[in-house]
PDB file of all heavy atoms in Angstrom:
ATOM      1  N   PRO A   1       0.827  -1.224  -0.001  1.00  0.00           N
ATOM      2  CA  PRO A   1      -0.015  -0.002   0.016  1.00  0.00           C
ATOM      3  C   PRO A   1       0.834   1.265   0.002  1.00  0.00           C
ATOM      4  O   PRO A   1       2.001   1.264   0.460  1.00  0.00           O
ATOM      5  CB  PRO A   1      -0.766  -0.112   1.297  1.00  0.00           C
ATOM      6  CG  PRO A   1       0.134  -0.899   2.231  1.00  0.00           C
ATOM      7  CD  PRO A   1       0.831  -1.876   1.325  1.00  0.00           C
ATOM      8  N   ASP A   2       0.214   2.302  -0.484  1.00  0.00           N
ATOM      9  CA  ASP A   2       0.811   3.651  -0.394  1.00  0.00           C
ATOM     10  C   ASP A   2       0.358   4.317   0.915  1.00  0.00           C
ATOM     11  O   ASP A   2       1.104   5.043   1.544  1.00  0.00           O
ATOM     12  CB  ASP A   2       0.370   4.519  -1.562  1.00  0.00           C
ATOM     13  CG  ASP A   2       0.817   3.938  -2.886  1.00  0.00           C
ATOM     14  OD1 ASP A   2       2.023   3.911  -3.161  1.00  0.00           O
ATOM     15  OD2 ASP A   2      -0.044   3.464  -3.606  1.00  0.00           O
ATOM     16  N   VAL A   3      -0.894   4.073   1.314  1.00  0.00           N
ATOM     17  CA  VAL A   3      -1.466   4.622   2.542  1.00  0.00           C
ATOM     18  C   VAL A   3      -2.219   3.545   3.247  1.00  0.00           C
ATOM     19  O   VAL A   3      -2.915   2.748   2.634  1.00  0.00           O
ATOM     20  CB  VAL A   3      -2.416   5.793   2.228  1.00  0.00           C
ATOM     21  CG1 VAL A   3      -3.158   6.243   3.462  1.00  0.00           C
ATOM     22  CG2 VAL A   3      -1.680   6.988   1.574  1.00  0.00           C
ATOM     23  N   VAL A   4      -2.081   3.517   4.598  1.00  0.00           N
ATOM     24  CA  VAL A   4      -2.824   2.571   5.427  1.00  0.00           C
ATOM     25  C   VAL A   4      -3.505   3.379   6.529  1.00  0.00           C
ATOM     26  O   VAL A   4      -2.888   4.163   7.232  1.00  0.00           O
ATOM     27  CB  VAL A   4      -1.911   1.515   6.021  1.00  0.00           C
ATOM     28  CG1 VAL A   4      -2.718   0.530   6.899  1.00  0.00           C
ATOM     29  CG2 VAL A   4      -1.138   0.740   4.964  1.00  0.00           C
ATOM     30  N   VAL A   5      -4.810   3.099   6.722  1.00  0.00           N
ATOM     31  CA  VAL A   5      -5.565   3.661   7.803  1.00  0.00           C
ATOM     32  C   VAL A   5      -5.814   2.578   8.845  1.00  0.00           C
ATOM     33  O   VAL A   5      -6.317   1.506   8.516  1.00  0.00           O
ATOM     34  CB  VAL A   5      -6.915   4.269   7.308  1.00  0.00           C
ATOM     35  CG1 VAL A   5      -7.713   4.814   8.492  1.00  0.00           C
ATOM     36  CG2 VAL A   5      -6.696   5.345   6.236  1.00  0.00           C
ATOM     37  N   ILE A   6      -5.520   2.890  10.087  1.00  0.00           N
ATOM     38  CA  ILE A   6      -5.743   1.926  11.201  1.00  0.00           C
ATOM     39  C   ILE A   6      -6.839   2.524  12.075  1.00  0.00           C
ATOM     40  O   ILE A   6      -6.690   3.588  12.660  1.00  0.00           O
ATOM     41  CB  ILE A   6      -4.480   1.670  12.017  1.00  0.00           C
ATOM     42  CG1 ILE A   6      -3.380   1.128  11.109  1.00  0.00           C
ATOM     43  CG2 ILE A   6      -4.781   0.722  13.143  1.00  0.00           C
ATOM     44  CD1 ILE A   6      -2.017   1.003  11.822  1.00  0.00           C
ATOM     45  N   PHE A   7      -7.962   1.842  12.106  1.00  0.00           N
ATOM     46  CA  PHE A   7      -9.116   2.308  12.894  1.00  0.00           C
ATOM     47  C   PHE A   7      -9.560   1.173  13.826  1.00  0.00           C
ATOM     48  O   PHE A   7     -10.373   0.369  13.461  1.00  0.00           O
ATOM     49  CB  PHE A   7     -10.268   2.712  12.018  1.00  0.00           C
ATOM     50  CG  PHE A   7     -11.272   3.645  12.688  1.00  0.00           C
ATOM     51  CD1 PHE A   7     -11.450   4.927  12.248  1.00  0.00           C
ATOM     52  CD2 PHE A   7     -12.074   3.200  13.751  1.00  0.00           C
ATOM     53  CE1 PHE A   7     -12.343   5.791  12.867  1.00  0.00           C
ATOM     54  CE2 PHE A   7     -12.960   4.004  14.352  1.00  0.00           C
ATOM     55  CZ  PHE A   7     -13.148   5.320  13.921  1.00  0.00           C
ATOM     56  N   VAL A   8      -8.978   1.119  15.030  1.00  0.00           N
ATOM     57  CA  VAL A   8      -9.262   0.018  15.941  1.00  0.00           C
ATOM     58  C   VAL A   8      -8.866   0.474  17.316  1.00  0.00           C
ATOM     59  O   VAL A   8      -8.049   1.395  17.504  1.00  0.00           O
ATOM     60  CB  VAL A   8      -8.473  -1.254  15.546  1.00  0.00           C
ATOM     61  CG1 VAL A   8      -6.977  -1.071  15.765  1.00  0.00           C
ATOM     62  CG2 VAL A   8      -8.977  -2.524  16.212  1.00  0.00           C
ATOM     63  N   GLY A   9      -9.535  -0.131  18.341  1.00  0.00           N
ATOM     64  CA  GLY A   9      -9.154   0.173  19.721  1.00  0.00           C
ATOM     65  C   GLY A   9     -10.377   0.262  20.641  1.00  0.00           C
ATOM     66  O   GLY A   9     -10.279  -0.049  21.819  1.00  0.00           O
ATOM     67  N   MET A  10     -11.533   0.726  20.122  1.00  0.00           N
ATOM     68  CA  MET A  10     -12.667   0.865  20.987  1.00  0.00           C
ATOM     69  C   MET A  10     -13.194  -0.450  21.529  1.00  0.00           C
ATOM     70  O   MET A  10     -13.667  -0.543  22.654  1.00  0.00           O
ATOM     71  CB  MET A  10     -13.782   1.595  20.248  1.00  0.00           C
ATOM     72  CG  MET A  10     -13.523   3.077  20.023  1.00  0.00           C
ATOM     73  SD  MET A  10     -13.120   4.037  21.506  1.00  0.00           S
ATOM     74  CE  MET A  10     -14.741   4.005  22.354  1.00  0.00           C
ATOM     75  N   ASN A  11     -13.026  -1.525  20.712  1.00  0.00           N
ATOM     76  CA  ASN A  11     -13.443  -2.870  21.244  1.00  0.00           C
ATOM     77  C   ASN A  11     -12.547  -3.257  22.438  1.00  0.00           C
ATOM     78  O   ASN A  11     -12.995  -3.977  23.298  1.00  0.00           O
ATOM     79  CB  ASN A  11     -13.394  -3.916  20.155  1.00  0.00           C
ATOM     80  CG  ASN A  11     -14.560  -3.759  19.147  1.00  0.00           C
ATOM     81  OD1 ASN A  11     -15.664  -3.411  19.504  1.00  0.00           O
ATOM     82  ND2 ASN A  11     -14.246  -3.936  17.881  1.00  0.00           N
ATOM     83  N   ASP A  12     -11.303  -2.889  22.383  1.00  0.00           N
ATOM     84  CA  ASP A  12     -10.413  -3.169  23.464  1.00  0.00           C
ATOM     85  C   ASP A  12     -10.911  -2.549  24.778  1.00  0.00           C
ATOM     86  O   ASP A  12     -10.769  -3.181  25.867  1.00  0.00           O
ATOM     87  CB  ASP A  12      -8.988  -2.641  23.178  1.00  0.00           C
ATOM     88  CG  ASP A  12      -8.315  -3.469  22.088  1.00  0.00           C
ATOM     89  OD1 ASP A  12      -8.473  -3.084  20.929  1.00  0.00           O
ATOM     90  OD2 ASP A  12      -7.633  -4.418  22.408  1.00  0.00           O
ATOM     91  N   THR A  13     -11.481  -1.362  24.717  1.00  0.00           N
ATOM     92  CA  THR A  13     -11.919  -0.683  25.929  1.00  0.00           C
ATOM     93  C   THR A  13     -13.110  -1.383  26.567  1.00  0.00           C
ATOM     94  O   THR A  13     -13.362  -1.127  27.773  1.00  0.00           O
ATOM     95  CB  THR A  13     -12.298   0.793  25.636  1.00  0.00           C
ATOM     96  OG1 THR A  13     -13.511   0.806  24.840  1.00  0.00           O
ATOM     97  CG2 THR A  13     -11.186   1.545  24.939  1.00  0.00           C
ATOM     98  N   LEU A  14     -13.776  -2.215  25.836  1.00  0.00           N
ATOM     99  CA  LEU A  14     -14.964  -2.881  26.383  1.00  0.00           C
ATOM    100  C   LEU A  14     -14.713  -4.221  26.962  1.00  0.00           C
ATOM    101  O   LEU A  14     -15.662  -4.894  27.404  1.00  0.00           O
ATOM    102  CB  LEU A  14     -16.060  -2.969  25.241  1.00  0.00           C
ATOM    103  CG  LEU A  14     -16.396  -1.656  24.544  1.00  0.00           C
ATOM    104  CD1 LEU A  14     -17.367  -1.915  23.394  1.00  0.00           C
ATOM    105  CD2 LEU A  14     -16.989  -0.646  25.530  1.00  0.00           C
ATOM    106  N   ARG A  15     -13.497  -4.715  26.951  1.00  0.00           N
ATOM    107  CA  ARG A  15     -13.162  -6.012  27.423  1.00  0.00           C
ATOM    108  C   ARG A  15     -12.507  -6.008  28.835  1.00  0.00           C
ATOM    109  O   ARG A  15     -11.782  -5.063  29.165  1.00  0.00           O
ATOM    110  CB  ARG A  15     -12.196  -6.713  26.423  1.00  0.00           C
ATOM    111  CG  ARG A  15     -12.715  -6.811  25.009  1.00  0.00           C
ATOM    112  CD  ARG A  15     -13.970  -7.676  24.952  1.00  0.00           C
ATOM    113  NE  ARG A  15     -14.350  -7.958  23.580  1.00  0.00           N
ATOM    114  CZ  ARG A  15     -15.165  -7.218  22.857  1.00  0.00           C
ATOM    115  NH1 ARG A  15     -15.697  -6.147  23.361  1.00  0.00           N
ATOM    116  NH2 ARG A  15     -15.470  -7.563  21.601  1.00  0.00           N
ATOM    117  N   SER A  16     -12.768  -7.064  29.591  1.00  0.00           N
ATOM    118  CA  SER A  16     -12.261  -7.103  30.940  1.00  0.00           C
ATOM    119  C   SER A  16     -10.743  -7.220  31.022  1.00  0.00           C
ATOM    120  O   SER A  16     -10.117  -6.884  31.998  1.00  0.00           O
ATOM    121  CB  SER A  16     -12.885  -8.259  31.703  1.00  0.00           C
ATOM    122  OG  SER A  16     -12.587  -9.516  31.063  1.00  0.00           O
ATOM    123  N   ASP A  17     -10.161  -7.735  29.897  1.00  0.00           N
ATOM    124  CA  ASP A  17      -8.671  -7.899  29.895  1.00  0.00           C
ATOM    125  C   ASP A  17      -7.979  -6.690  29.191  1.00  0.00           C
ATOM    126  O   ASP A  17      -6.861  -6.866  28.694  1.00  0.00           O
ATOM    127  CB  ASP A  17      -8.286  -9.206  29.221  1.00  0.00           C
ATOM    128  CG  ASP A  17      -8.744  -9.258  27.752  1.00  0.00           C
ATOM    129  OD1 ASP A  17      -9.535  -8.410  27.328  1.00  0.00           O
ATOM    130  OD2 ASP A  17      -8.284 -10.173  27.048  1.00  0.00           O
ATOM    131  N   PHE A  18      -8.596  -5.532  29.249  1.00  0.00           N
ATOM    132  CA  PHE A  18      -8.003  -4.368  28.608  1.00  0.00           C
ATOM    133  C   PHE A  18      -6.613  -4.132  29.121  1.00  0.00           C
ATOM    134  O   PHE A  18      -6.365  -4.074  30.342  1.00  0.00           O
ATOM    135  CB  PHE A  18      -8.865  -3.126  28.912  1.00  0.00           C
ATOM    136  CG  PHE A  18      -8.304  -1.857  28.407  1.00  0.00           C
ATOM    137  CD1 PHE A  18      -8.282  -1.592  27.073  1.00  0.00           C
ATOM    138  CD2 PHE A  18      -7.806  -0.923  29.316  1.00  0.00           C
ATOM    139  CE1 PHE A  18      -7.735  -0.361  26.629  1.00  0.00           C
ATOM    140  CE2 PHE A  18      -7.319   0.308  28.869  1.00  0.00           C
ATOM    141  CZ  PHE A  18      -7.251   0.575  27.489  1.00  0.00           C
ATOM    142  N   ASP A  19      -5.636  -3.981  28.249  1.00  0.00           N
ATOM    143  CA  ASP A  19      -4.214  -3.838  28.616  1.00  0.00           C
ATOM    144  C   ASP A  19      -3.590  -2.777  27.694  1.00  0.00           C
ATOM    145  O   ASP A  19      -3.180  -3.087  26.583  1.00  0.00           O
ATOM    146  CB  ASP A  19      -3.532  -5.160  28.497  1.00  0.00           C
ATOM    147  CG  ASP A  19      -2.113  -5.117  28.943  1.00  0.00           C
ATOM    148  OD1 ASP A  19      -1.553  -4.002  29.153  1.00  0.00           O
ATOM    149  OD2 ASP A  19      -1.477  -6.181  29.062  1.00  0.00           O
ATOM    150  N   PRO A  20      -3.455  -1.538  28.164  1.00  0.00           N
ATOM    151  CA  PRO A  20      -2.934  -0.516  27.289  1.00  0.00           C
ATOM    152  C   PRO A  20      -1.467  -0.715  26.920  1.00  0.00           C
ATOM    153  O   PRO A  20      -1.029  -0.257  25.868  1.00  0.00           O
ATOM    154  CB  PRO A  20      -3.087   0.773  28.088  1.00  0.00           C
ATOM    155  CG  PRO A  20      -3.265   0.339  29.528  1.00  0.00           C
ATOM    156  CD  PRO A  20      -3.918  -1.000  29.460  1.00  0.00           C
ATOM    157  N   VAL A  21      -0.737  -1.430  27.770  1.00  0.00           N
ATOM    158  CA  VAL A  21       0.729  -1.677  27.456  1.00  0.00           C
ATOM    159  C   VAL A  21       0.796  -2.629  26.287  1.00  0.00           C
ATOM    160  O   VAL A  21       1.543  -2.425  25.295  1.00  0.00           O
ATOM    161  CB  VAL A  21       1.415  -2.261  28.672  1.00  0.00           C
ATOM    162  CG1 VAL A  21       2.844  -2.678  28.304  1.00  0.00           C
ATOM    163  CG2 VAL A  21       1.426  -1.267  29.790  1.00  0.00           C
ATOM    164  N   ARG A  22      -0.007  -3.688  26.294  1.00  0.00           N
ATOM    165  CA  ARG A  22      -0.014  -4.643  25.168  1.00  0.00           C
ATOM    166  C   ARG A  22      -0.590  -4.022  23.919  1.00  0.00           C
ATOM    167  O   ARG A  22      -0.078  -4.242  22.795  1.00  0.00           O
ATOM    168  CB  ARG A  22      -0.855  -5.893  25.570  1.00  0.00           C
ATOM    169  CG  ARG A  22      -0.837  -6.989  24.491  1.00  0.00           C
ATOM    170  CD  ARG A  22      -1.539  -8.245  25.026  1.00  0.00           C
ATOM    171  NE  ARG A  22      -2.922  -7.975  25.339  1.00  0.00           N
ATOM    172  CZ  ARG A  22      -3.703  -8.837  25.974  1.00  0.00           C
ATOM    173  NH1 ARG A  22      -3.225  -9.970  26.396  1.00  0.00           N
ATOM    174  NH2 ARG A  22      -4.975  -8.520  26.214  1.00  0.00           N
ATOM    175  N   LEU A  23      -1.633  -3.176  24.104  1.00  0.00           N
ATOM    176  CA  LEU A  23      -2.173  -2.485  22.957  1.00  0.00           C
ATOM    177  C   LEU A  23      -1.159  -1.589  22.277  1.00  0.00           C
ATOM    178  O   LEU A  23      -1.022  -1.585  21.039  1.00  0.00           O
ATOM    179  CB  LEU A  23      -3.415  -1.664  23.413  1.00  0.00           C
ATOM    180  CG  LEU A  23      -4.246  -0.908  22.366  1.00  0.00           C
ATOM    181  CD1 LEU A  23      -5.687  -0.852  22.833  1.00  0.00           C
ATOM    182  CD2 LEU A  23      -3.715   0.512  22.149  1.00  0.00           C
ATOM    183  N   ARG A  24      -0.393  -0.859  23.066  1.00  0.00           N
ATOM    184  CA  ARG A  24       0.645  -0.001  22.534  1.00  0.00           C
ATOM    185  C   ARG A  24       1.699  -0.838  21.772  1.00  0.00           C
ATOM    186  O   ARG A  24       2.123  -0.488  20.685  1.00  0.00           O
ATOM    187  CB  ARG A  24       1.323   0.776  23.637  1.00  0.00           C
ATOM    188  CG  ARG A  24       2.522   1.573  23.199  1.00  0.00           C
ATOM    189  CD  ARG A  24       3.154   2.319  24.372  1.00  0.00           C
ATOM    190  NE  ARG A  24       4.457   2.874  24.021  1.00  0.00           N
ATOM    191  CZ  ARG A  24       5.216   3.604  24.865  1.00  0.00           C
ATOM    192  NH1 ARG A  24       4.743   3.838  26.070  1.00  0.00           N
ATOM    193  NH2 ARG A  24       6.364   4.089  24.441  1.00  0.00           N
ATOM    194  N   ALA A  25       2.063  -1.988  22.317  1.00  0.00           N
ATOM    195  CA  ALA A  25       3.100  -2.833  21.691  1.00  0.00           C
ATOM    196  C   ALA A  25       2.552  -3.335  20.341  1.00  0.00           C
ATOM    197  O   ALA A  25       3.271  -3.388  19.333  1.00  0.00           O
ATOM    198  CB  ALA A  25       3.451  -3.975  22.583  1.00  0.00           C
ATOM    199  N   ASP A  26       1.315  -3.744  20.314  1.00  0.00           N
ATOM    200  CA  ASP A  26       0.694  -4.261  19.036  1.00  0.00           C
ATOM    201  C   ASP A  26       0.602  -3.163  18.004  1.00  0.00           C
ATOM    202  O   ASP A  26       0.887  -3.365  16.824  1.00  0.00           O
ATOM    203  CB  ASP A  26      -0.679  -4.871  19.306  1.00  0.00           C
ATOM    204  CG  ASP A  26      -0.665  -6.166  20.039  1.00  0.00           C
ATOM    205  OD1 ASP A  26       0.339  -6.931  19.852  1.00  0.00           O
ATOM    206  OD2 ASP A  26      -1.609  -6.503  20.782  1.00  0.00           O
ATOM    207  N   LEU A  27       0.190  -1.949  18.412  1.00  0.00           N
ATOM    208  CA  LEU A  27       0.126  -0.825  17.466  1.00  0.00           C
ATOM    209  C   LEU A  27       1.515  -0.493  16.963  1.00  0.00           C
ATOM    210  O   LEU A  27       1.707  -0.239  15.751  1.00  0.00           O
ATOM    211  CB  LEU A  27      -0.550   0.337  18.120  1.00  0.00           C
ATOM    212  CG  LEU A  27      -0.667   1.621  17.290  1.00  0.00           C
ATOM    213  CD1 LEU A  27      -1.503   1.340  16.011  1.00  0.00           C
ATOM    214  CD2 LEU A  27      -1.293   2.776  18.049  1.00  0.00           C
ATOM    215  N   ALA A  28       2.436  -0.420  17.862  1.00  0.00           N
ATOM    216  CA  ALA A  28       3.808  -0.014  17.459  1.00  0.00           C
ATOM    217  C   ALA A  28       4.388  -1.040  16.466  1.00  0.00           C
ATOM    218  O   ALA A  28       5.006  -0.643  15.487  1.00  0.00           O
ATOM    219  CB  ALA A  28       4.723   0.049  18.705  1.00  0.00           C
ATOM    220  N   ALA A  29       4.175  -2.320  16.682  1.00  0.00           N
ATOM    221  CA  ALA A  29       4.704  -3.358  15.769  1.00  0.00           C
ATOM    222  C   ALA A  29       4.000  -3.243  14.413  1.00  0.00           C
ATOM    223  O   ALA A  29       4.637  -3.406  13.372  1.00  0.00           O
ATOM    224  CB  ALA A  29       4.484  -4.747  16.375  1.00  0.00           C
ATOM    225  N   THR A  30       2.677  -3.023  14.440  1.00  0.00           N
ATOM    226  CA  THR A  30       1.892  -2.896  13.186  1.00  0.00           C
ATOM    227  C   THR A  30       2.374  -1.673  12.370  1.00  0.00           C
ATOM    228  O   THR A  30       2.656  -1.772  11.159  1.00  0.00           O
ATOM    229  CB  THR A  30       0.416  -2.780  13.490  1.00  0.00           C
ATOM    230  OG1 THR A  30      -0.016  -3.920  14.199  1.00  0.00           O
ATOM    231  CG2 THR A  30      -0.390  -2.590  12.232  1.00  0.00           C
ATOM    232  N   VAL A  31       2.528  -0.522  13.043  1.00  0.00           N
ATOM    233  CA  VAL A  31       2.932   0.698  12.349  1.00  0.00           C
ATOM    234  C   VAL A  31       4.354   0.556  11.794  1.00  0.00           C
ATOM    235  O   VAL A  31       4.658   0.930  10.669  1.00  0.00           O
ATOM    236  CB  VAL A  31       2.795   1.922  13.262  1.00  0.00           C
ATOM    237  CG1 VAL A  31       3.403   3.133  12.637  1.00  0.00           C
ATOM    238  CG2 VAL A  31       1.340   2.188  13.558  1.00  0.00           C
ATOM    239  N   ALA A  32       5.241  -0.006  12.623  1.00  0.00           N
ATOM    240  CA  ALA A  32       6.634  -0.173  12.188  1.00  0.00           C
ATOM    241  C   ALA A  32       6.731  -1.083  10.966  1.00  0.00           C
ATOM    242  O   ALA A  32       7.533  -0.757  10.044  1.00  0.00           O
ATOM    243  CB  ALA A  32       7.486  -0.744  13.352  1.00  0.00           C
ATOM    244  N   ALA A  33       5.948  -2.147  10.930  1.00  0.00           N
ATOM    245  CA  ALA A  33       6.002  -3.039   9.779  1.00  0.00           C
ATOM    246  C   ALA A  33       5.489  -2.315   8.523  1.00  0.00           C
ATOM    247  O   ALA A  33       6.062  -2.523   7.433  1.00  0.00           O
ATOM    248  CB  ALA A  33       5.128  -4.277  10.087  1.00  0.00           C
ATOM    249  N   LEU A  34       4.477  -1.556   8.665  1.00  0.00           N
ATOM    250  CA  LEU A  34       3.929  -0.813   7.516  1.00  0.00           C
ATOM    251  C   LEU A  34       4.898   0.293   7.040  1.00  0.00           C
ATOM    252  O   LEU A  34       5.119   0.436   5.854  1.00  0.00           O
ATOM    253  CB  LEU A  34       2.591  -0.191   7.870  1.00  0.00           C
ATOM    254  CG  LEU A  34       1.468  -1.220   8.144  1.00  0.00           C
ATOM    255  CD1 LEU A  34       0.230  -0.512   8.817  1.00  0.00           C
ATOM    256  CD2 LEU A  34       1.015  -1.912   6.868  1.00  0.00           C
ATOM    257  N   ARG A  35       5.484   0.995   7.992  1.00  0.00           N
ATOM    258  CA  ARG A  35       6.409   2.063   7.653  1.00  0.00           C
ATOM    259  C   ARG A  35       7.671   1.471   6.952  1.00  0.00           C
ATOM    260  O   ARG A  35       8.300   2.163   6.123  1.00  0.00           O
ATOM    261  CB  ARG A  35       6.815   2.873   8.865  1.00  0.00           C
ATOM    262  CG  ARG A  35       5.749   3.832   9.364  1.00  0.00           C
ATOM    263  CD  ARG A  35       5.464   4.930   8.376  1.00  0.00           C
ATOM    264  NE  ARG A  35       6.656   5.709   8.097  1.00  0.00           N
ATOM    265  CZ  ARG A  35       7.090   6.023   6.883  1.00  0.00           C
ATOM    266  NH1 ARG A  35       6.426   5.648   5.818  1.00  0.00           N
ATOM    267  NH2 ARG A  35       8.176   6.771   6.737  1.00  0.00           N
ATOM    268  N   SER A  36       8.041   0.292   7.316  1.00  0.00           N
ATOM    269  CA  SER A  36       9.258  -0.308   6.706  1.00  0.00           C
ATOM    270  C   SER A  36       9.071  -0.557   5.220  1.00  0.00           C
ATOM    271  O   SER A  36      10.063  -0.687   4.465  1.00  0.00           O
ATOM    272  CB  SER A  36       9.560  -1.640   7.415  1.00  0.00           C
ATOM    273  OG  SER A  36       8.623  -2.667   7.090  1.00  0.00           O
ATOM    274  N   THR A  37       7.797  -0.590   4.760  1.00  0.00           N
ATOM    275  CA  THR A  37       7.568  -0.775   3.335  1.00  0.00           C
ATOM    276  C   THR A  37       7.443   0.584   2.610  1.00  0.00           C
ATOM    277  O   THR A  37       7.250   0.613   1.389  1.00  0.00           O
ATOM    278  CB  THR A  37       6.259  -1.541   3.109  1.00  0.00           C
ATOM    279  OG1 THR A  37       5.149  -0.759   3.466  1.00  0.00           O
ATOM    280  CG2 THR A  37       6.251  -2.837   3.902  1.00  0.00           C
ATOM    281  N   GLY A  38       7.455   1.668   3.363  1.00  0.00           N
ATOM    282  CA  GLY A  38       7.291   3.028   2.788  1.00  0.00           C
ATOM    283  C   GLY A  38       5.856   3.512   2.816  1.00  0.00           C
ATOM    284  O   GLY A  38       5.628   4.615   2.348  1.00  0.00           O
ATOM    285  N   ALA A  39       4.950   2.735   3.350  1.00  0.00           N
ATOM    286  CA  ALA A  39       3.567   3.190   3.420  1.00  0.00           C
ATOM    287  C   ALA A  39       3.394   4.338   4.406  1.00  0.00           C
ATOM    288  O   ALA A  39       4.018   4.389   5.447  1.00  0.00           O
ATOM    289  CB  ALA A  39       2.661   2.047   3.867  1.00  0.00           C
ATOM    290  N   HIS A  40       2.555   5.301   4.049  1.00  0.00           N
ATOM    291  CA  HIS A  40       2.136   6.345   4.958  1.00  0.00           C
ATOM    292  C   HIS A  40       0.997   5.826   5.802  1.00  0.00           C
ATOM    293  O   HIS A  40       0.049   5.218   5.247  1.00  0.00           O
ATOM    294  CB  HIS A  40       1.702   7.571   4.174  1.00  0.00           C
ATOM    295  CG  HIS A  40       1.517   8.804   5.044  1.00  0.00           C
ATOM    296  ND1 HIS A  40       2.583   9.613   5.448  1.00  0.00           N
ATOM    297  CD2 HIS A  40       0.419   9.350   5.586  1.00  0.00           C
ATOM    298  CE1 HIS A  40       2.117  10.578   6.191  1.00  0.00           C
ATOM    299  NE2 HIS A  40       0.813  10.477   6.288  1.00  0.00           N
ATOM    300  N   VAL A  41       1.058   6.010   7.120  1.00  0.00           N
ATOM    301  CA  VAL A  41       0.102   5.391   8.037  1.00  0.00           C
ATOM    302  C   VAL A  41      -0.681   6.505   8.733  1.00  0.00           C
ATOM    303  O   VAL A  41      -0.158   7.529   9.159  1.00  0.00           O
ATOM    304  CB  VAL A  41       0.806   4.547   9.102  1.00  0.00           C
ATOM    305  CG1 VAL A  41      -0.216   3.925  10.066  1.00  0.00           C
ATOM    306  CG2 VAL A  41       1.658   3.442   8.422  1.00  0.00           C
ATOM    307  N   LEU A  42      -2.015   6.303   8.816  1.00  0.00           N
ATOM    308  CA  LEU A  42      -2.932   7.211   9.541  1.00  0.00           C
ATOM    309  C   LEU A  42      -3.569   6.441  10.701  1.00  0.00           C
ATOM    310  O   LEU A  42      -4.105   5.352  10.461  1.00  0.00           O
ATOM    311  CB  LEU A  42      -3.996   7.735   8.593  1.00  0.00           C
ATOM    312  CG  LEU A  42      -3.492   8.501   7.355  1.00  0.00           C
ATOM    313  CD1 LEU A  42      -4.658   8.976   6.492  1.00  0.00           C
ATOM    314  CD2 LEU A  42      -2.678   9.723   7.745  1.00  0.00           C
ATOM    315  N   VAL A  43      -3.520   7.024  11.872  1.00  0.00           N
ATOM    316  CA  VAL A  43      -4.114   6.405  13.041  1.00  0.00           C
ATOM    317  C   VAL A  43      -5.063   7.419  13.708  1.00  0.00           C
ATOM    318  O   VAL A  43      -5.137   8.561  13.286  1.00  0.00           O
ATOM    319  CB  VAL A  43      -3.059   6.002  14.050  1.00  0.00           C
ATOM    320  CG1 VAL A  43      -2.148   4.884  13.478  1.00  0.00           C
ATOM    321  CG2 VAL A  43      -2.219   7.172  14.497  1.00  0.00           C
TER     322      VAL A  43
END
């Protein structure tokens, strides 16, 4: 892709196992993988 939009997170807030540290790690890994290909990312 040239551009990737990531729209996710609200479902995490509704779960009993909500973990912002893990959420941050998953988002960081996702964005880093996309940026490594040159894609522009929107969050």
